[in-house]
C-alpha atoms as a PDB file:
ATOM      1  CA  UNK A   1      74.839  11.454 -31.352  1.00  0.00           C
ATOM      2  CA  UNK A   2      76.255   8.647 -33.372  1.00  0.00           C
ATOM      3  CA  UNK A   3      72.765   7.242 -34.142  1.00  0.00           C
ATOM      4  CA  UNK A   4      71.947   9.896 -36.981  1.00  0.00           C
ATOM      5  CA  UNK A   5      75.475   8.891 -38.766  1.00  0.00           C
ATOM      6  CA  UNK A   6      73.766   6.867 -41.062  1.00  0.00           C
ATOM      7  CA  UNK A   7      70.463   9.164 -42.063  1.00  0.00           C
ATOM      8  CA  UNK A   8      73.731  12.124 -42.398  1.00  0.00           C
ATOM      9  CA  UNK A   9      75.410  10.590 -44.492  1.00  0.00           C
ATOM     10  CA  UNK A  10      72.405   9.456 -46.478  1.00  0.00           C
ATOM     11  CA  UNK A  11      71.227  13.086 -46.802  1.00  0.00           C
ATOM     12  CA  UNK A  12      75.116  14.249 -47.824  1.00  0.00           C
ATOM     13  CA  UNK A  13      75.066  11.954 -50.728  1.00  0.00           C
ATOM     14  CA  UNK A  14      71.709  13.212 -51.942  1.00  0.00           C
ATOM     15  CA  UNK A  15      72.437  16.753 -51.678  1.00  0.00           C
ATOM     16  CA  UNK A  16      75.730  15.830 -53.239  1.00  0.00           C
ATOM     17  CA  UNK A  17      74.120  14.355 -56.156  1.00  0.00           C
ATOM     18  CA  UNK A  18      71.750  16.732 -56.771  1.00  0.00           C
ATOM     19  CA  UNK A  19      74.299  19.432 -56.978  1.00  0.00           C
ATOM     20  CA  UNK A  20      76.701  17.198 -59.542  1.00  0.00           C
ATOM     21  CA  UNK A  21      73.252  16.239 -61.443  1.00  0.00           C
ATOM     22  CA  UNK A  22      73.002  20.092 -62.314  1.00  0.00           C
ATOM     23  CA  UNK A  23      76.087  20.422 -63.940  1.00  0.00           C
ATOM     24  CA  UNK A  24      77.159  19.712 -67.776  1.00  0.00           C
ATOM     25  CA  UNK A  25      78.223  16.544 -69.353  1.00  0.00           C
ATOM     26  CA  UNK A  26      78.587  17.906 -72.456  1.00  0.00           C
ATOM     27  CA  UNK A  27      77.513  20.316 -75.285  1.00  0.00           C
ATOM     28  CA  UNK A  28      76.698  18.807 -78.227  1.00  0.00           C
ATOM     29  CA  UNK A  29      75.703  21.149 -81.801  1.00  0.00           C
ATOM     30  CA  UNK A  30      73.782  19.248 -84.682  1.00  0.00           C
ATOM     31  CA  UNK A  31      73.887  21.067 -88.107  1.00  0.00           C
ATOM     32  CA  UNK A  32      71.608  18.640 -90.201  1.00  0.00           C
ATOM     33  CA  UNK A  33      74.592  16.874 -91.771  1.00  0.00           C
ATOM     34  CA  UNK A  34      73.401  13.720 -90.475  1.00  0.00           C
ATOM     35  CA  UNK A  35      69.639  14.579 -89.742  1.00  0.00           C
ATOM     36  CA  UNK A  36      68.049  13.000 -86.294  1.00  0.00           C
ATOM     37  CA  UNK A  37      71.501  12.369 -85.180  1.00  0.00           C
ATOM     38  CA  UNK A  38      70.700  11.979 -81.376  1.00  0.00           C
ATOM     39  CA  UNK A  39      67.453  12.497 -82.173  1.00  0.00           C
ATOM     40  CA  UNK A  40      66.746  15.463 -81.574  1.00  0.00           C
ATOM     41  CA  UNK A  41      67.267  17.488 -84.938  1.00  0.00           C
ATOM     42  CA  UNK A  42      69.502  20.734 -85.582  1.00  0.00           C
ATOM     43  CA  UNK A  43      70.282  22.807 -83.264  1.00  0.00           C
ATOM     44  CA  UNK A  44      72.781  23.608 -80.178  1.00  0.00           C
ATOM     45  CA  UNK A  45      71.995  21.288 -77.139  1.00  0.00           C
ATOM     46  CA  UNK A  46      72.992  21.047 -73.294  1.00  0.00           C
ATOM     47  CA  UNK A  47      73.277  17.525 -72.088  1.00  0.00           C
ATOM     48  CA  UNK A  48      73.582  17.531 -67.767  1.00  0.00           C
ATOM     49  CA  UNK A  49      74.695  14.714 -65.842  1.00  0.00           C
ATOM     50  CA  UNK A  50      71.065  14.020 -64.462  1.00  0.00           C
ATOM     51  CA  UNK A  51      70.262  13.141 -68.099  1.00  0.00           C
ATOM     52  CA  UNK A  52      68.129  16.410 -68.999  1.00  0.00           C
ATOM     53  CA  UNK A  53      68.887  17.832 -72.226  1.00  0.00           C
ATOM     54  CA  UNK A  54      68.176  21.364 -73.170  1.00  0.00           C
ATOM     55  CA  UNK A  55      67.968  23.151 -76.655  1.00  0.00           C
ATOM     56  CA  UNK A  56      69.724  26.362 -76.479  1.00  0.00           C
ATOM     57  CA  UNK A  57      69.352  29.233 -78.939  1.00  0.00           C
ATOM     58  CA  UNK A  58      70.612  32.967 -78.716  1.00  0.00           C
ATOM     59  CA  UNK A  59      72.028  31.770 -75.355  1.00  0.00           C
ATOM     60  CA  UNK A  60      68.469  31.153 -73.807  1.00  0.00           C
ATOM     61  CA  UNK A  61      67.062  27.564 -72.977  1.00  0.00           C
ATOM     62  CA  UNK A  62      64.104  27.416 -75.570  1.00  0.00           C
ATOM     63  CA  UNK A  63      63.069  23.726 -74.700  1.00  0.00           C
ATOM     64  CA  UNK A  64      63.803  21.211 -72.842  1.00  0.00           C
ATOM     65  CA  UNK A  65      63.763  17.961 -75.072  1.00  0.00           C
ATOM     66  CA  UNK A  66      64.000  15.779 -71.907  1.00  0.00           C
ATOM     67  CA  UNK A  67      63.295  15.649 -68.460  1.00  0.00           C
ATOM     68  CA  UNK A  68      65.891  14.655 -65.564  1.00  0.00           C
ATOM     69  CA  UNK A  69      65.908  11.206 -64.208  1.00  0.00           C
ATOM     70  CA  UNK A  70      64.189  10.813 -61.245  1.00  0.00           C
ATOM     71  CA  UNK A  71      66.646  11.364 -58.398  1.00  0.00           C
ATOM     72  CA  UNK A  72      67.051   8.054 -57.234  1.00  0.00           C
ATOM     73  CA  UNK A  73      69.067   7.113 -60.662  1.00  0.00           C
ATOM     74  CA  UNK A  74      71.055  10.501 -60.330  1.00  0.00           C
ATOM     75  CA  UNK A  75      72.165   9.024 -57.042  1.00  0.00           C
ATOM     76  CA  UNK A  76      73.002   6.143 -58.323  1.00  0.00           C
ATOM     77  CA  UNK A  77      75.015   7.612 -61.604  1.00  0.00           C
ATOM     78  CA  UNK A  78      76.754  10.097 -58.721  1.00  0.00           C
ATOM     79  CA  UNK A  79      77.997   7.039 -56.878  1.00  0.00           C
ATOM     80  CA  UNK A  80      79.047   5.002 -60.014  1.00  0.00           C
ATOM     81  CA  UNK A  81      80.767   7.980 -61.195  1.00  0.00           C
ATOM     82  CA  UNK A  82      82.558   8.546 -57.983  1.00  0.00           C
ATOM     83  CA  UNK A  83      84.160   4.773 -58.386  1.00  0.00           C
ATOM     84  CA  UNK A  84      85.823   5.544 -61.205  1.00  0.00           C
END
């Protein structure tokens, strides 16, 4: 049964990284004081661990400002976050 140990471990890390990537890493509000502060303009933004950025208006996600990183990059970031 140990022949699948490595495969199971890779899958576990994949699923854990995917779940971790979908969690919020920070909230950011830009009121226009410093135009182009992060390059997305004014508004309320939610940043996720997987690199995605969504703009929120009235409690609804209205647009995706940045798409998530590829899963390989998310796995690398997840592993790196666990080493700290």
